[in-house]
Amino acid sequence: MTEQATWQMPPFDRYYVGQEAIAALIGTQCPASGPLDLRMVPTVSNGQPAAGMYLRGEDGVHRPFQLVVVDVVDGAVTAVVGFFDEAAFARAGLPAKLAD
């Protein structure tokens, strides 16, 4: 991740810039409470690398949480946009839930 990488999550108006700000966001706002609460499934969105982030519910089932689309320049992440839209998972060819 580049030093000036950005992370945004529309429709929220916050915009995080830089490795420290992004690390603080993940460290304080991530809803996972333990190992394996989040699972990532690689995909592509609009020709860009992306991943479906699934969050484990109380019932143990992983359901769509955020579709993250990544900008990569010269092998480094320059931007991440996360979409909290379950329909985006279907458009990216991702399943509605993950079996353990």
C-alpha atoms as a PDB file:
ATOM      1  CA  MET A   1       0.000   0.000   0.000  1.00  0.00           C
ATOM      2  CA  THR A   2       1.436   3.343  -0.975  1.00  0.00           C
ATOM      3  CA  GLU A   3       2.038   6.054   1.605  1.00  0.00           C
ATOM      4  CA  GLN A   4      -0.728   8.183   0.071  1.00  0.00           C
ATOM      5  CA  ALA A   5      -3.206   5.370  -0.565  1.00  0.00           C
ATOM      6  CA  THR A   6      -6.873   6.217  -0.082  1.00  0.00           C
ATOM      7  CA  TRP A   7      -9.809   4.257   1.311  1.00  0.00           C
ATOM      8  CA  GLN A   8     -13.404   5.305   0.858  1.00  0.00           C
ATOM      9  CA  MET A   9     -16.769   3.666   1.484  1.00  0.00           C
ATOM     10  CA  PRO A  10     -19.661   5.339  -0.292  1.00  0.00           C
ATOM     11  CA  PRO A  11     -22.196   6.526   0.746  1.00  0.00           C
ATOM     12  CA  PHE A  12     -20.187   7.524   3.836  1.00  0.00           C
ATOM     13  CA  ASP A  13     -18.501  10.886   3.328  1.00  0.00           C
ATOM     14  CA  ARG A  14     -15.264  10.006   5.151  1.00  0.00           C
ATOM     15  CA  TYR A  15     -12.130   9.634   3.060  1.00  0.00           C
ATOM     16  CA  TYR A  16      -9.032   8.055   4.601  1.00  0.00           C
ATOM     17  CA  VAL A  17      -5.592   8.966   3.241  1.00  0.00           C
ATOM     18  CA  GLY A  18      -2.310   7.266   4.057  1.00  0.00           C
ATOM     19  CA  GLN A  19      -1.224   4.008   5.613  1.00  0.00           C
ATOM     20  CA  GLU A  20      -1.636   5.176   9.211  1.00  0.00           C
ATOM     21  CA  ALA A  21      -5.175   6.499   8.709  1.00  0.00           C
ATOM     22  CA  ILE A  22      -6.223   3.317   6.892  1.00  0.00           C
ATOM     23  CA  ALA A  23      -4.666   1.095   9.557  1.00  0.00           C
ATOM     24  CA  ALA A  24      -6.482   3.082  12.274  1.00  0.00           C
ATOM     25  CA  LEU A  25      -9.775   2.690  10.378  1.00  0.00           C
ATOM     26  CA  ILE A  26      -9.347  -1.070  10.112  1.00  0.00           C
ATOM     27  CA  GLY A  27      -8.079  -1.391  13.677  1.00  0.00           C
ATOM     28  CA  THR A  28     -10.955   0.535  15.252  1.00  0.00           C
ATOM     29  CA  GLN A  29     -13.943   0.053  12.936  1.00  0.00           C
ATOM     30  CA  CYS A  30     -13.622  -3.526  11.702  1.00  0.00           C
ATOM     31  CA  PRO A  31     -16.659  -5.482  12.958  1.00  0.00           C
ATOM     32  CA  ALA A  32     -14.786  -8.783  13.281  1.00  0.00           C
ATOM     33  CA  SER A  33     -14.376  -9.921  16.853  1.00  0.00           C
ATOM     34  CA  GLY A  34     -12.108 -12.897  16.298  1.00  0.00           C
ATOM     35  CA  PRO A  35     -10.094 -14.992  13.884  1.00  0.00           C
ATOM     36  CA  LEU A  36     -11.941 -16.180  10.792  1.00  0.00           C
ATOM     37  CA  ASP A  37     -14.857 -13.776  11.329  1.00  0.00           C
ATOM     38  CA  LEU A  38     -14.019 -12.219   7.959  1.00  0.00           C
ATOM     39  CA  ARG A  39     -13.418 -14.170   4.774  1.00  0.00           C
ATOM     40  CA  MET A  40     -12.301 -12.666   1.480  1.00  0.00           C
ATOM     41  CA  VAL A  41     -13.175 -14.120  -1.925  1.00  0.00           C
ATOM     42  CA  PRO A  42     -11.263 -12.706  -4.913  1.00  0.00           C
ATOM     43  CA  THR A  43     -13.157 -11.403  -7.928  1.00  0.00           C
ATOM     44  CA  VAL A  44     -13.042  -8.623 -10.517  1.00  0.00           C
ATOM     45  CA  SER A  45     -15.209  -5.506 -10.681  1.00  0.00           C
ATOM     46  CA  ASN A  46     -15.191  -3.264 -13.762  1.00  0.00           C
ATOM     47  CA  GLY A  47     -11.933  -4.925 -14.806  1.00  0.00           C
ATOM     48  CA  GLN A  48     -10.210  -4.135 -11.497  1.00  0.00           C
ATOM     49  CA  PRO A  49      -9.086  -6.526  -8.780  1.00  0.00           C
ATOM     50  CA  ALA A  50     -11.723  -6.857  -6.085  1.00  0.00           C
ATOM     51  CA  ALA A  51     -12.783  -9.101  -3.233  1.00  0.00           C
ATOM     52  CA  GLY A  52     -16.000  -9.920  -1.515  1.00  0.00           C
ATOM     53  CA  MET A  53     -15.596  -9.516   2.235  1.00  0.00           C
ATOM     54  CA  TYR A  54     -17.917 -11.803   4.161  1.00  0.00           C
ATOM     55  CA  LEU A  55     -18.678 -11.387   7.873  1.00  0.00           C
ATOM     56  CA  ARG A  56     -19.598 -14.353  10.056  1.00  0.00           C
ATOM     57  CA  GLY A  57     -22.946 -13.943  11.781  1.00  0.00           C
ATOM     58  CA  GLU A  58     -24.061 -15.270  15.156  1.00  0.00           C
ATOM     59  CA  ASP A  59     -25.280 -18.405  13.355  1.00  0.00           C
ATOM     60  CA  GLY A  60     -21.777 -19.075  11.997  1.00  0.00           C
ATOM     61  CA  VAL A  61     -22.704 -18.275   8.381  1.00  0.00           C
ATOM     62  CA  HIS A  62     -20.555 -15.780   6.442  1.00  0.00           C
ATOM     63  CA  ARG A  63     -22.706 -13.238   4.608  1.00  0.00           C
ATOM     64  CA  PRO A  64     -21.795 -10.297   2.344  1.00  0.00           C
ATOM     65  CA  PHE A  65     -20.378  -7.343   4.239  1.00  0.00           C
ATOM     66  CA  GLN A  66     -18.390  -5.221   1.792  1.00  0.00           C
ATOM     67  CA  LEU A  67     -17.196  -5.513  -1.801  1.00  0.00           C
ATOM     68  CA  VAL A  68     -13.745  -3.934  -1.985  1.00  0.00           C
ATOM     69  CA  VAL A  69     -12.384  -2.731  -5.317  1.00  0.00           C
ATOM     70  CA  VAL A  70      -8.651  -2.083  -5.448  1.00  0.00           C
ATOM     71  CA  ASP A  71      -6.545   0.234  -7.623  1.00  0.00           C
ATOM     72  CA  VAL A  72      -3.050  -1.139  -8.143  1.00  0.00           C
ATOM     73  CA  VAL A  73      -0.237   0.864  -9.758  1.00  0.00           C
ATOM     74  CA  ASP A  74       3.209  -0.651 -10.257  1.00  0.00           C
ATOM     75  CA  GLY A  75       2.343  -3.496  -7.897  1.00  0.00           C
ATOM     76  CA  ALA A  76       1.215  -1.274  -5.015  1.00  0.00           C
ATOM     77  CA  VAL A  77      -2.292  -0.514  -3.763  1.00  0.00           C
ATOM     78  CA  THR A  78      -3.096   3.151  -4.372  1.00  0.00           C
ATOM     79  CA  ALA A  79      -6.819   3.139  -3.545  1.00  0.00           C
ATOM     80  CA  VAL A  80      -9.576   0.975  -2.115  1.00  0.00           C
ATOM     81  CA  VAL A  81     -13.293   1.626  -2.474  1.00  0.00           C
ATOM     82  CA  GLY A  82     -15.601  -0.480  -0.332  1.00  0.00           C
ATOM     83  CA  PHE A  83     -19.266  -0.915  -1.234  1.00  0.00           C
ATOM     84  CA  PHE A  84     -21.826  -1.996   1.378  1.00  0.00           C
ATOM     85  CA  ASP A  85     -24.230  -3.259  -1.269  1.00  0.00           C
ATOM     86  CA  GLU A  86     -25.219  -6.911  -1.258  1.00  0.00           C
ATOM     87  CA  ALA A  87     -26.347  -6.613  -4.895  1.00  0.00           C
ATOM     88  CA  ALA A  88     -22.743  -5.760  -5.844  1.00  0.00           C
ATOM     89  CA  PHE A  89     -21.748  -9.268  -4.744  1.00  0.00           C
ATOM     90  CA  ALA A  90     -24.169 -10.814  -7.237  1.00  0.00           C
ATOM     91  CA  ARG A  91     -22.969  -8.506 -10.012  1.00  0.00           C
ATOM     92  CA  ALA A  92     -19.393  -9.591  -9.258  1.00  0.00           C
ATOM     93  CA  GLY A  93     -20.411 -13.262  -9.485  1.00  0.00           C
ATOM     94  CA  LEU A  94     -20.031 -13.891  -5.759  1.00  0.00           C
ATOM     95  CA  PRO A  95     -22.287 -16.160  -3.691  1.00  0.00           C
ATOM     96  CA  ALA A  96     -24.944 -14.859  -1.288  1.00  0.00           C
ATOM     97  CA  LYS A  97     -23.279 -16.705   1.605  1.00  0.00           C
ATOM     98  CA  LEU A  98     -20.291 -18.941   2.265  1.00  0.00           C
ATOM     99  CA  ALA A  99     -20.450 -22.442   3.629  1.00  0.00           C
ATOM    100  CA  ASP A 100     -17.891 -23.313   6.273  1.00  0.00           C
END
